[in-house]
Amino acid sequence: MASMAMRQRGGYGGDKPVFSFTGDPRRGGVEMSSMAPDGADTSARQSAPRMAHRAVASDVLLQMLLTFNVYFAPCFWVATVVATFVKTNGAKDDFDEIRPVMIGMYALFEPARLYAGYAGNLQEKVPMLIGFVALSLCVAAPLHVYFYAGQMRAVAFDKALNLFAVLYVIVQALVAAVACRKILSVQSLSFFMSELQ
């Protein structure tokens, strides 16, 4: 049986053990007991030591999609603006009054949408995650559909870029809805378990 202790330097009494671990980790028989600053064993005070109050519920797939979208969004905006200038001869021949408004809306709403996704996922805030899903389905997806099929003089480049973008936004919204459900279940379980103690 192996025994190991984490020691605290200085502060509360010099070189006294703070946590001690006993058992064989290869066999899964590790037990932890904690020591108070005064040297008293606190394992009698608690039946089971807890390292965290609940499991982390952030979704890794959603975080990866959001991280890739942080790089994709500026590239998409620049590509759309450049393609618009090329198609319309420097915006002199542009008779589509809605296109500049849509480009501006994308520049306004996409950072807010990505922030809501990051805050909702990493901080496990369900309202922010629901806001991310709503912005994805009610603002971002219709904008990409407009750039795909609604704008005047849509060329193959516009269609390819926006087909990818609309599918990417829909996948993000679906993954965020699943992550929201997962976070709600973990937080509900944590709440009811704390009520039992």
N, C-alpha and C. Protein backbone atom coordinates (compact mmCIF):
# COMPACT_ATOMS: atom_id res chain seq x y z
N MET A 1 0.85 -1.17 0.00
CA MET A 1 0.00 0.00 0.00
C MET A 1 0.90 1.23 0.00
N ALA A 2 0.72 2.06 -1.03
CA ALA A 2 1.53 3.28 -1.18
C ALA A 2 0.87 4.42 -0.43
N SER A 3 1.69 5.31 0.07
CA SER A 3 1.18 6.47 0.76
C SER A 3 1.92 7.70 0.27
N MET A 4 1.18 8.76 0.00
CA MET A 4 1.79 9.98 -0.51
C MET A 4 1.06 11.15 0.13
N ALA A 5 1.78 12.21 0.42
CA ALA A 5 1.16 13.39 1.03
C ALA A 5 1.59 14.64 0.28
N MET A 6 0.63 15.53 0.05
CA MET A 6 0.94 16.85 -0.51
C MET A 6 1.17 17.77 0.68
N ARG A 7 2.31 18.43 0.68
CA ARG A 7 2.67 19.26 1.83
C ARG A 7 2.52 20.73 1.51
N GLN A 8 2.19 21.45 2.53
CA GLN A 8 2.01 22.89 2.42
C GLN A 8 3.26 23.57 2.95
N ARG A 9 3.84 24.43 2.14
CA ARG A 9 5.06 25.15 2.53
C ARG A 9 4.67 26.47 3.19
N GLY A 10 5.27 26.77 4.30
CA GLY A 10 5.07 28.05 4.97
C GLY A 10 3.63 28.25 5.39
N GLY A 11 3.27 29.50 5.64
CA GLY A 11 1.88 29.85 5.92
C GLY A 11 1.33 29.17 7.14
N TYR A 12 0.53 28.15 6.96
CA TYR A 12 -0.22 27.51 8.04
C TYR A 12 0.58 26.39 8.70
N GLY A 13 1.67 26.66 9.26
CA GLY A 13 2.31 25.65 10.08
C GLY A 13 3.40 24.88 9.39
N GLY A 14 4.10 25.48 8.48
CA GLY A 14 5.31 24.87 7.95
C GLY A 14 5.08 23.75 6.98
N ASP A 15 5.55 22.55 7.34
CA ASP A 15 5.62 21.44 6.39
C ASP A 15 4.62 20.35 6.74
N LYS A 16 3.40 20.74 7.12
CA LYS A 16 2.39 19.75 7.49
C LYS A 16 1.66 19.28 6.25
N PRO A 17 1.21 18.02 6.20
CA PRO A 17 0.49 17.54 5.02
C PRO A 17 -0.90 18.18 4.91
N VAL A 18 -1.27 18.54 3.69
CA VAL A 18 -2.58 19.11 3.43
C VAL A 18 -3.53 18.00 2.97
N PHE A 19 -3.08 17.22 1.99
CA PHE A 19 -3.85 16.07 1.51
C PHE A 19 -2.95 14.86 1.58
N SER A 20 -3.49 13.75 1.95
CA SER A 20 -2.72 12.52 1.89
C SER A 20 -3.51 11.48 1.12
N PHE A 21 -2.81 10.74 0.27
CA PHE A 21 -3.42 9.73 -0.57
C PHE A 21 -2.85 8.38 -0.17
N THR A 22 -3.72 7.40 0.01
CA THR A 22 -3.27 6.05 0.35
C THR A 22 -3.92 5.07 -0.59
N GLY A 23 -3.23 3.99 -0.86
CA GLY A 23 -3.78 2.97 -1.74
C GLY A 23 -2.94 2.81 -2.99
N ASP A 24 -3.36 1.90 -3.84
CA ASP A 24 -2.67 1.61 -5.09
C ASP A 24 -3.49 2.17 -6.24
N PRO A 25 -2.98 3.18 -6.97
CA PRO A 25 -3.77 3.77 -8.06
C PRO A 25 -4.00 2.82 -9.22
N ARG A 26 -3.14 1.80 -9.39
CA ARG A 26 -3.34 0.87 -10.50
C ARG A 26 -4.53 -0.05 -10.26
N ARG A 27 -4.86 -0.24 -9.01
CA ARG A 27 -5.99 -1.10 -8.68
C ARG A 27 -7.26 -0.31 -8.38
N GLY A 28 -7.19 0.99 -8.45
CA GLY A 28 -8.37 1.83 -8.23
C GLY A 28 -8.73 2.01 -6.77
N GLY A 29 -7.81 1.72 -5.86
CA GLY A 29 -8.11 1.81 -4.44
C GLY A 29 -7.46 3.00 -3.77
N VAL A 30 -7.58 4.18 -4.34
CA VAL A 30 -6.96 5.36 -3.77
C VAL A 30 -7.97 6.07 -2.88
N GLU A 31 -7.54 6.41 -1.67
CA GLU A 31 -8.37 7.17 -0.76
C GLU A 31 -7.65 8.46 -0.43
N MET A 32 -8.42 9.52 -0.25
CA MET A 32 -7.84 10.82 0.05
C MET A 32 -8.38 11.31 1.38
N SER A 33 -7.50 11.83 2.19
CA SER A 33 -7.94 12.50 3.41
C SER A 33 -7.27 13.87 3.44
N SER A 34 -7.98 14.84 3.95
CA SER A 34 -7.45 16.20 3.97
C SER A 34 -7.13 16.59 5.40
N MET A 35 -6.16 17.48 5.51
CA MET A 35 -5.73 17.94 6.82
C MET A 35 -6.05 19.42 6.94
N ALA A 36 -6.55 19.83 8.07
CA ALA A 36 -6.81 21.23 8.34
C ALA A 36 -5.48 21.94 8.60
N PRO A 37 -5.46 23.28 8.51
CA PRO A 37 -4.22 24.00 8.78
C PRO A 37 -3.65 23.77 10.16
N ASP A 38 -4.51 23.42 11.14
CA ASP A 38 -4.02 23.16 12.49
C ASP A 38 -3.52 21.73 12.66
N GLY A 39 -3.58 20.92 11.60
CA GLY A 39 -3.07 19.56 11.66
C GLY A 39 -4.12 18.53 11.96
N ALA A 40 -5.35 18.93 12.23
CA ALA A 40 -6.42 17.98 12.55
C ALA A 40 -6.91 17.32 11.26
N ASP A 41 -7.22 16.06 11.36
CA ASP A 41 -7.71 15.31 10.20
C ASP A 41 -9.17 15.68 9.97
N THR A 42 -9.48 16.16 8.75
CA THR A 42 -10.85 16.58 8.45
C THR A 42 -11.67 15.47 7.81
N SER A 43 -11.09 14.31 7.63
CA SER A 43 -11.87 13.23 7.02
C SER A 43 -12.99 12.76 7.93
N ALA A 44 -12.86 12.99 9.24
CA ALA A 44 -13.94 12.64 10.14
C ALA A 44 -15.11 13.61 10.00
N ARG A 45 -14.82 14.84 9.56
CA ARG A 45 -15.87 15.84 9.41
C ARG A 45 -16.72 15.57 8.17
N GLN A 46 -16.09 15.05 7.13
CA GLN A 46 -16.80 14.79 5.88
C GLN A 46 -16.77 13.30 5.60
N SER A 47 -17.85 12.80 5.06
CA SER A 47 -17.85 11.38 4.74
C SER A 47 -17.06 11.11 3.47
N ALA A 48 -17.15 11.98 2.48
CA ALA A 48 -16.41 11.81 1.24
C ALA A 48 -15.91 13.17 0.78
N PRO A 49 -14.62 13.30 0.55
CA PRO A 49 -14.11 14.59 0.08
C PRO A 49 -14.56 14.86 -1.34
N ARG A 50 -14.81 16.12 -1.60
CA ARG A 50 -15.29 16.50 -2.93
C ARG A 50 -14.29 17.47 -3.53
N MET A 51 -13.82 17.16 -4.72
CA MET A 51 -12.88 18.05 -5.40
C MET A 51 -13.62 19.15 -6.16
N ALA A 52 -14.79 18.87 -6.69
CA ALA A 52 -15.59 19.86 -7.41
C ALA A 52 -17.04 19.62 -7.06
N HIS A 53 -17.85 20.68 -7.15
CA HIS A 53 -19.24 20.52 -6.76
C HIS A 53 -20.07 19.84 -7.85
N ARG A 54 -19.60 19.86 -9.11
CA ARG A 54 -20.30 19.14 -10.17
C ARG A 54 -19.38 18.99 -11.37
N ALA A 55 -19.79 18.16 -12.29
CA ALA A 55 -18.98 17.91 -13.49
C ALA A 55 -19.09 19.09 -14.45
N VAL A 56 -18.06 19.25 -15.26
CA VAL A 56 -18.07 20.29 -16.30
C VAL A 56 -19.00 19.82 -17.41
N ALA A 57 -19.89 20.71 -17.84
CA ALA A 57 -20.89 20.32 -18.83
C ALA A 57 -20.71 21.01 -20.18
N SER A 58 -19.62 21.77 -20.35
CA SER A 58 -19.38 22.44 -21.63
C SER A 58 -19.20 21.41 -22.73
N ASP A 59 -19.67 21.76 -23.93
CA ASP A 59 -19.62 20.85 -25.05
C ASP A 59 -18.37 21.14 -25.90
N VAL A 60 -17.53 20.14 -26.08
CA VAL A 60 -16.28 20.32 -26.81
C VAL A 60 -16.53 20.53 -28.30
N LEU A 61 -17.47 19.79 -28.87
CA LEU A 61 -17.77 19.93 -30.29
C LEU A 61 -18.27 21.34 -30.61
N LEU A 62 -19.16 21.86 -29.78
CA LEU A 62 -19.65 23.22 -29.98
C LEU A 62 -18.50 24.22 -29.86
N GLN A 63 -17.61 24.01 -28.90
CA GLN A 63 -16.48 24.93 -28.75
C GLN A 63 -15.57 24.90 -29.96
N MET A 64 -15.36 23.72 -30.53
CA MET A 64 -14.54 23.63 -31.75
C MET A 64 -15.21 24.35 -32.91
N LEU A 65 -16.52 24.16 -33.07
CA LEU A 65 -17.24 24.84 -34.15
C LEU A 65 -17.19 26.36 -33.98
N LEU A 66 -17.33 26.84 -32.75
CA LEU A 66 -17.27 28.27 -32.50
C LEU A 66 -15.87 28.83 -32.77
N THR A 67 -14.86 28.09 -32.38
CA THR A 67 -13.49 28.55 -32.60
C THR A 67 -13.19 28.65 -34.09
N PHE A 68 -13.61 27.65 -34.86
CA PHE A 68 -13.40 27.71 -36.31
C PHE A 68 -14.20 28.87 -36.91
N ASN A 69 -15.38 29.13 -36.37
CA ASN A 69 -16.21 30.21 -36.91
C ASN A 69 -15.62 31.58 -36.61
N VAL A 70 -14.87 31.72 -35.53
CA VAL A 70 -14.21 32.99 -35.24
C VAL A 70 -13.24 33.35 -36.36
N TYR A 71 -12.59 32.35 -36.94
CA TYR A 71 -11.69 32.60 -38.07
C TYR A 71 -12.44 32.69 -39.40
N PHE A 72 -13.54 31.95 -39.50
CA PHE A 72 -14.30 31.94 -40.76
C PHE A 72 -15.08 33.23 -40.97
N ALA A 73 -15.64 33.81 -39.92
CA ALA A 73 -16.52 34.97 -40.05
C ALA A 73 -15.83 36.18 -40.68
N PRO A 74 -14.62 36.59 -40.24
CA PRO A 74 -13.99 37.73 -40.93
C PRO A 74 -13.63 37.41 -42.38
N CYS A 75 -13.19 36.18 -42.62
CA CYS A 75 -12.87 35.79 -44.00
C CYS A 75 -14.12 35.82 -44.87
N PHE A 76 -15.25 35.37 -44.33
CA PHE A 76 -16.50 35.40 -45.07
C PHE A 76 -16.90 36.84 -45.38
N TRP A 77 -16.80 37.72 -44.39
CA TRP A 77 -17.19 39.11 -44.60
C TRP A 77 -16.33 39.78 -45.66
N VAL A 78 -15.01 39.58 -45.57
CA VAL A 78 -14.09 40.17 -46.56
C VAL A 78 -14.39 39.61 -47.94
N ALA A 79 -14.59 38.29 -48.04
CA ALA A 79 -14.88 37.67 -49.34
C ALA A 79 -16.18 38.20 -49.93
N THR A 80 -17.19 38.41 -49.09
CA THR A 80 -18.47 38.92 -49.58
C THR A 80 -18.34 40.36 -50.06
N VAL A 81 -17.62 41.19 -49.30
CA VAL A 81 -17.44 42.59 -49.70
C VAL A 81 -16.62 42.68 -50.99
N VAL A 82 -15.55 41.92 -51.09
CA VAL A 82 -14.72 41.95 -52.31
C VAL A 82 -15.51 41.43 -53.50
N ALA A 83 -16.26 40.34 -53.32
CA ALA A 83 -17.07 39.80 -54.42
C ALA A 83 -18.13 40.81 -54.86
N THR A 84 -18.70 41.54 -53.90
CA THR A 84 -19.69 42.56 -54.25
C THR A 84 -19.05 43.68 -55.07
N PHE A 85 -17.87 44.12 -54.68
CA PHE A 85 -17.20 45.17 -55.43
C PHE A 85 -16.78 44.70 -56.82
N VAL A 86 -16.37 43.45 -56.93
CA VAL A 86 -15.98 42.93 -58.24
C VAL A 86 -17.20 42.79 -59.15
N LYS A 87 -18.31 42.28 -58.60
CA LYS A 87 -19.52 42.08 -59.41
C LYS A 87 -20.16 43.39 -59.85
N THR A 88 -20.03 44.42 -59.02
CA THR A 88 -20.77 45.67 -59.30
C THR A 88 -19.87 46.79 -59.77
N ASN A 89 -18.64 46.47 -60.18
CA ASN A 89 -17.71 47.46 -60.71
C ASN A 89 -17.47 48.58 -59.69
N GLY A 90 -17.08 48.18 -58.48
CA GLY A 90 -16.81 49.15 -57.42
C GLY A 90 -18.06 49.77 -56.84
N ALA A 91 -19.16 49.08 -56.86
CA ALA A 91 -20.46 49.50 -56.33
C ALA A 91 -21.09 50.63 -57.14
N LYS A 92 -20.58 50.87 -58.33
CA LYS A 92 -21.19 51.90 -59.19
C LYS A 92 -22.43 51.36 -59.91
N ASP A 93 -22.42 50.08 -60.21
CA ASP A 93 -23.53 49.47 -60.95
C ASP A 93 -24.41 48.61 -60.04
N ASP A 94 -24.41 48.88 -58.75
CA ASP A 94 -25.18 48.04 -57.81
C ASP A 94 -26.59 48.61 -57.67
N PHE A 95 -27.57 47.83 -58.14
CA PHE A 95 -28.97 48.24 -58.02
C PHE A 95 -29.69 47.47 -56.91
N ASP A 96 -28.93 46.68 -56.15
CA ASP A 96 -29.50 45.90 -55.05
C ASP A 96 -29.33 46.71 -53.76
N GLU A 97 -30.40 47.38 -53.33
CA GLU A 97 -30.32 48.24 -52.14
C GLU A 97 -30.24 47.45 -50.84
N ILE A 98 -30.65 46.21 -50.89
CA ILE A 98 -30.68 45.41 -49.67
C ILE A 98 -29.31 44.84 -49.31
N ARG A 99 -28.47 44.59 -50.31
CA ARG A 99 -27.18 43.93 -50.07
C ARG A 99 -26.30 44.68 -49.06
N PRO A 100 -26.10 46.02 -49.16
CA PRO A 100 -25.27 46.69 -48.13
C PRO A 100 -25.86 46.59 -46.73
N VAL A 101 -27.17 46.61 -46.64
CA VAL A 101 -27.82 46.47 -45.33
C VAL A 101 -27.56 45.08 -44.75
N MET A 102 -27.63 44.07 -45.60
CA MET A 102 -27.37 42.70 -45.15
C MET A 102 -25.91 42.50 -44.73
N ILE A 103 -24.99 43.11 -45.47
CA ILE A 103 -23.57 43.02 -45.10
C ILE A 103 -23.35 43.70 -43.75
N GLY A 104 -23.99 44.85 -43.54
CA GLY A 104 -23.89 45.54 -42.25
C GLY A 104 -24.52 44.76 -41.12
N MET A 105 -25.66 44.13 -41.38
CA MET A 105 -26.30 43.30 -40.35
C MET A 105 -25.42 42.13 -39.96
N TYR A 106 -24.77 41.52 -40.95
CA TYR A 106 -23.87 40.41 -40.65
C TYR A 106 -22.72 40.90 -39.76
N ALA A 107 -22.16 42.07 -40.10
CA ALA A 107 -21.05 42.60 -39.31
C ALA A 107 -21.49 42.95 -37.89
N LEU A 108 -22.75 43.30 -37.69
CA LEU A 108 -23.26 43.61 -36.36
C LEU A 108 -23.61 42.37 -35.55
N PHE A 109 -24.34 41.45 -36.17
CA PHE A 109 -24.90 40.33 -35.42
C PHE A 109 -23.93 39.16 -35.23
N GLU A 110 -22.98 38.97 -36.11
CA GLU A 110 -22.10 37.81 -36.00
C GLU A 110 -21.21 37.86 -34.76
N PRO A 111 -20.58 39.00 -34.41
CA PRO A 111 -19.83 39.02 -33.14
C PRO A 111 -20.72 38.77 -31.92
N ALA A 112 -21.94 39.32 -31.92
CA ALA A 112 -22.85 39.09 -30.80
C ALA A 112 -23.25 37.62 -30.72
N ARG A 113 -23.48 37.00 -31.86
CA ARG A 113 -23.85 35.58 -31.90
C ARG A 113 -22.70 34.71 -31.38
N LEU A 114 -21.48 35.00 -31.82
CA LEU A 114 -20.34 34.21 -31.37
C LEU A 114 -20.06 34.43 -29.89
N TYR A 115 -20.23 35.64 -29.40
CA TYR A 115 -20.06 35.89 -27.97
C TYR A 115 -21.08 35.11 -27.15
N ALA A 116 -22.33 35.11 -27.61
CA ALA A 116 -23.37 34.35 -26.90
C ALA A 116 -23.03 32.87 -26.88
N GLY A 117 -22.49 32.36 -27.97
CA GLY A 117 -22.10 30.95 -28.01
C GLY A 117 -20.96 30.64 -27.07
N TYR A 118 -19.93 31.49 -27.08
CA TYR A 118 -18.80 31.28 -26.17
C TYR A 118 -19.24 31.37 -24.72
N ALA A 119 -19.95 32.44 -24.36
CA ALA A 119 -20.37 32.62 -22.97
C ALA A 119 -21.32 31.52 -22.53
N GLY A 120 -22.23 31.14 -23.40
CA GLY A 120 -23.18 30.10 -23.03
C GLY A 120 -22.53 28.75 -22.84
N ASN A 121 -21.54 28.44 -23.66
CA ASN A 121 -20.91 27.13 -23.57
C ASN A 121 -19.86 27.08 -22.46
N LEU A 122 -18.93 28.00 -22.45
CA LEU A 122 -17.83 27.93 -21.48
C LEU A 122 -18.27 28.26 -20.05
N GLN A 123 -19.19 29.20 -19.91
CA GLN A 123 -19.65 29.56 -18.57
C GLN A 123 -20.91 28.79 -18.18
N GLU A 124 -21.37 27.95 -19.08
CA GLU A 124 -22.54 27.10 -18.86
C GLU A 124 -23.77 27.93 -18.50
N LYS A 125 -23.98 28.99 -19.26
CA LYS A 125 -25.15 29.86 -19.08
C LYS A 125 -26.18 29.49 -20.14
N VAL A 126 -27.25 28.89 -19.70
CA VAL A 126 -28.29 28.40 -20.61
C VAL A 126 -28.97 29.53 -21.37
N PRO A 127 -29.31 30.67 -20.75
CA PRO A 127 -29.96 31.73 -21.53
C PRO A 127 -29.09 32.25 -22.67
N MET A 128 -27.78 32.36 -22.44
CA MET A 128 -26.89 32.80 -23.51
C MET A 128 -26.83 31.78 -24.64
N LEU A 129 -26.86 30.51 -24.28
CA LEU A 129 -26.83 29.46 -25.30
C LEU A 129 -28.12 29.44 -26.10
N ILE A 130 -29.24 29.69 -25.45
CA ILE A 130 -30.52 29.77 -26.18
C ILE A 130 -30.52 31.01 -27.08
N GLY A 131 -29.93 32.11 -26.61
CA GLY A 131 -29.78 33.29 -27.45
C GLY A 131 -28.91 33.01 -28.67
N PHE A 132 -27.87 32.20 -28.49
CA PHE A 132 -27.02 31.81 -29.61
C PHE A 132 -27.81 31.02 -30.64
N VAL A 133 -28.63 30.07 -30.17
CA VAL A 133 -29.45 29.28 -31.09
C VAL A 133 -30.45 30.17 -31.82
N ALA A 134 -31.07 31.09 -31.09
CA ALA A 134 -32.05 31.99 -31.72
C ALA A 134 -31.39 32.90 -32.75
N LEU A 135 -30.23 33.47 -32.43
CA LEU A 135 -29.53 34.31 -33.40
C LEU A 135 -29.07 33.50 -34.61
N SER A 136 -28.69 32.25 -34.37
CA SER A 136 -28.25 31.41 -35.48
C SER A 136 -29.38 31.12 -36.45
N LEU A 137 -30.55 30.75 -35.90
CA LEU A 137 -31.65 30.33 -36.76
C LEU A 137 -32.47 31.51 -37.29
N CYS A 138 -32.55 32.62 -36.53
CA CYS A 138 -33.41 33.73 -36.94
C CYS A 138 -32.67 34.87 -37.63
N VAL A 139 -31.35 34.95 -37.48
CA VAL A 139 -30.61 36.04 -38.11
C VAL A 139 -29.54 35.50 -39.07
N ALA A 140 -28.62 34.67 -38.56
CA ALA A 140 -27.48 34.25 -39.38
C ALA A 140 -27.91 33.37 -40.55
N ALA A 141 -28.74 32.38 -40.31
CA ALA A 141 -29.16 31.49 -41.41
C ALA A 141 -29.94 32.25 -42.49
N PRO A 142 -30.92 33.11 -42.15
CA PRO A 142 -31.58 33.87 -43.21
C PRO A 142 -30.64 34.81 -43.98
N LEU A 143 -29.64 35.38 -43.30
CA LEU A 143 -28.67 36.22 -44.01
C LEU A 143 -27.89 35.42 -45.04
N HIS A 144 -27.47 34.23 -44.65
CA HIS A 144 -26.72 33.38 -45.59
C HIS A 144 -27.62 32.90 -46.73
N VAL A 145 -28.88 32.63 -46.42
CA VAL A 145 -29.81 32.23 -47.48
C VAL A 145 -30.02 33.40 -48.45
N TYR A 146 -30.10 34.61 -47.93
CA TYR A 146 -30.22 35.77 -48.83
C TYR A 146 -28.99 35.88 -49.73
N PHE A 147 -27.79 35.77 -49.13
CA PHE A 147 -26.58 35.86 -49.95
C PHE A 147 -26.46 34.70 -50.93
N TYR A 148 -27.09 33.57 -50.61
CA TYR A 148 -27.06 32.41 -51.52
C TYR A 148 -28.00 32.60 -52.69
N ALA A 149 -29.23 33.00 -52.42
CA ALA A 149 -30.24 32.99 -53.48
C ALA A 149 -30.97 34.32 -53.67
N GLY A 150 -30.96 35.21 -52.71
CA GLY A 150 -31.79 36.40 -52.79
C GLY A 150 -31.15 37.61 -53.43
N GLN A 151 -29.82 37.68 -53.41
CA GLN A 151 -29.18 38.87 -53.95
C GLN A 151 -29.14 38.85 -55.48
N MET A 152 -29.06 40.03 -56.05
CA MET A 152 -28.96 40.14 -57.51
C MET A 152 -27.56 39.74 -57.94
N ARG A 153 -27.46 39.11 -59.09
CA ARG A 153 -26.19 38.70 -59.69
C ARG A 153 -25.41 37.76 -58.78
N ALA A 154 -26.06 36.80 -58.19
CA ALA A 154 -25.35 35.81 -57.38
C ALA A 154 -24.59 34.87 -58.32
N VAL A 155 -23.27 34.78 -58.11
CA VAL A 155 -22.42 33.95 -58.96
C VAL A 155 -22.12 32.65 -58.22
N ALA A 156 -21.39 31.77 -58.89
CA ALA A 156 -21.08 30.46 -58.31
C ALA A 156 -20.27 30.59 -57.01
N PHE A 157 -19.39 31.58 -56.94
CA PHE A 157 -18.62 31.80 -55.71
C PHE A 157 -19.53 32.12 -54.54
N ASP A 158 -20.52 33.00 -54.76
CA ASP A 158 -21.48 33.33 -53.71
C ASP A 158 -22.26 32.10 -53.26
N LYS A 159 -22.69 31.31 -54.22
CA LYS A 159 -23.49 30.13 -53.88
C LYS A 159 -22.67 29.12 -53.09
N ALA A 160 -21.43 28.88 -53.51
CA ALA A 160 -20.59 27.90 -52.80
C ALA A 160 -20.26 28.38 -51.39
N LEU A 161 -19.87 29.64 -51.26
CA LEU A 161 -19.51 30.19 -49.95
C LEU A 161 -20.69 30.18 -48.99
N ASN A 162 -21.84 30.58 -49.47
CA ASN A 162 -23.00 30.70 -48.59
C ASN A 162 -23.70 29.37 -48.35
N LEU A 163 -23.58 28.42 -49.25
CA LEU A 163 -24.10 27.08 -48.97
C LEU A 163 -23.34 26.46 -47.81
N PHE A 164 -22.00 26.59 -47.85
CA PHE A 164 -21.20 26.10 -46.73
C PHE A 164 -21.56 26.84 -45.44
N ALA A 165 -21.71 28.16 -45.54
CA ALA A 165 -21.98 28.97 -44.34
C ALA A 165 -23.33 28.64 -43.72
N VAL A 166 -24.36 28.47 -44.54
CA VAL A 166 -25.69 28.18 -43.97
C VAL A 166 -25.71 26.79 -43.34
N LEU A 167 -25.06 25.83 -43.97
CA LEU A 167 -24.99 24.49 -43.37
C LEU A 167 -24.19 24.52 -42.06
N TYR A 168 -23.13 25.28 -42.03
CA TYR A 168 -22.30 25.40 -40.83
C TYR A 168 -23.09 26.03 -39.69
N VAL A 169 -23.87 27.06 -39.98
CA VAL A 169 -24.67 27.73 -38.96
C VAL A 169 -25.75 26.79 -38.43
N ILE A 170 -26.38 26.02 -39.31
CA ILE A 170 -27.42 25.08 -38.87
C ILE A 170 -26.82 23.98 -37.99
N VAL A 171 -25.65 23.48 -38.37
CA VAL A 171 -24.98 22.46 -37.54
C VAL A 171 -24.64 23.05 -36.17
N GLN A 172 -24.15 24.28 -36.15
CA GLN A 172 -23.86 24.93 -34.87
C GLN A 172 -25.11 25.05 -34.01
N ALA A 173 -26.22 25.43 -34.61
CA ALA A 173 -27.46 25.58 -33.84
C ALA A 173 -27.91 24.24 -33.28
N LEU A 174 -27.81 23.17 -34.06
CA LEU A 174 -28.22 21.85 -33.58
C LEU A 174 -27.31 21.37 -32.44
N VAL A 175 -26.00 21.54 -32.61
CA VAL A 175 -25.06 21.13 -31.56
C VAL A 175 -25.28 21.97 -30.30
N ALA A 176 -25.57 23.25 -30.47
CA ALA A 176 -25.83 24.11 -29.30
C ALA A 176 -27.11 23.71 -28.58
N ALA A 177 -28.12 23.27 -29.32
CA ALA A 177 -29.35 22.80 -28.67
C ALA A 177 -29.09 21.55 -27.84
N VAL A 178 -28.27 20.64 -28.37
CA VAL A 178 -27.91 19.43 -27.62
C VAL A 178 -27.07 19.82 -26.39
N ALA A 179 -26.13 20.76 -26.56
CA ALA A 179 -25.31 21.21 -25.43
C ALA A 179 -26.17 21.88 -24.36
N CYS A 180 -27.17 22.62 -24.78
CA CYS A 180 -28.08 23.28 -23.84
C CYS A 180 -28.83 22.24 -23.00
N ARG A 181 -29.28 21.22 -23.66
CA ARG A 181 -30.00 20.14 -22.95
C ARG A 181 -29.07 19.44 -21.96
N LYS A 182 -27.81 19.22 -22.37
CA LYS A 182 -26.83 18.57 -21.49
C LYS A 182 -26.53 19.44 -20.28
N ILE A 183 -26.33 20.74 -20.49
CA ILE A 183 -26.04 21.65 -19.38
C ILE A 183 -27.22 21.72 -18.42
N LEU A 184 -28.43 21.76 -18.95
CA LEU A 184 -29.62 21.79 -18.10
C LEU A 184 -29.73 20.53 -17.24
N SER A 185 -29.45 19.38 -17.82
CA SER A 185 -29.55 18.15 -17.04
C SER A 185 -28.48 18.08 -15.95
N VAL A 186 -27.26 18.53 -16.26
CA VAL A 186 -26.20 18.52 -15.24
C VAL A 186 -26.51 19.51 -14.13
N GLN A 187 -27.00 20.70 -14.48
CA GLN A 187 -27.33 21.69 -13.46
C GLN A 187 -28.53 21.25 -12.63
N SER A 188 -29.50 20.60 -13.25
CA SER A 188 -30.65 20.09 -12.49
C SER A 188 -30.23 19.02 -11.50
N LEU A 189 -29.38 18.11 -11.97
CA LEU A 189 -28.89 17.05 -11.09
C LEU A 189 -28.09 17.64 -9.94
N SER A 190 -27.25 18.62 -10.22
CA SER A 190 -26.47 19.26 -9.17
C SER A 190 -27.36 19.96 -8.14
N PHE A 191 -28.41 20.61 -8.63
CA PHE A 191 -29.34 21.29 -7.73
C PHE A 191 -30.04 20.29 -6.81
N PHE A 192 -30.56 19.21 -7.38
CA PHE A 192 -31.30 18.25 -6.55
C PHE A 192 -30.38 17.47 -5.63
N MET A 193 -29.14 17.24 -6.04
CA MET A 193 -28.21 16.57 -5.15
C MET A 193 -27.83 17.48 -3.98
N SER A 194 -27.72 18.78 -4.23
CA SER A 194 -27.40 19.70 -3.13
C SER A 194 -28.58 19.82 -2.17
N GLU A 195 -29.81 19.63 -2.64
CA GLU A 195 -30.97 19.66 -1.77
C GLU A 195 -31.00 18.45 -0.84
N LEU A 196 -30.43 17.33 -1.29
CA LEU A 196 -30.43 16.12 -0.47
C LEU A 196 -29.41 16.17 0.65
N GLN A 197 -28.39 17.00 0.50
CA GLN A 197 -27.33 17.03 1.52
C GLN A 197 -27.65 17.95 2.65
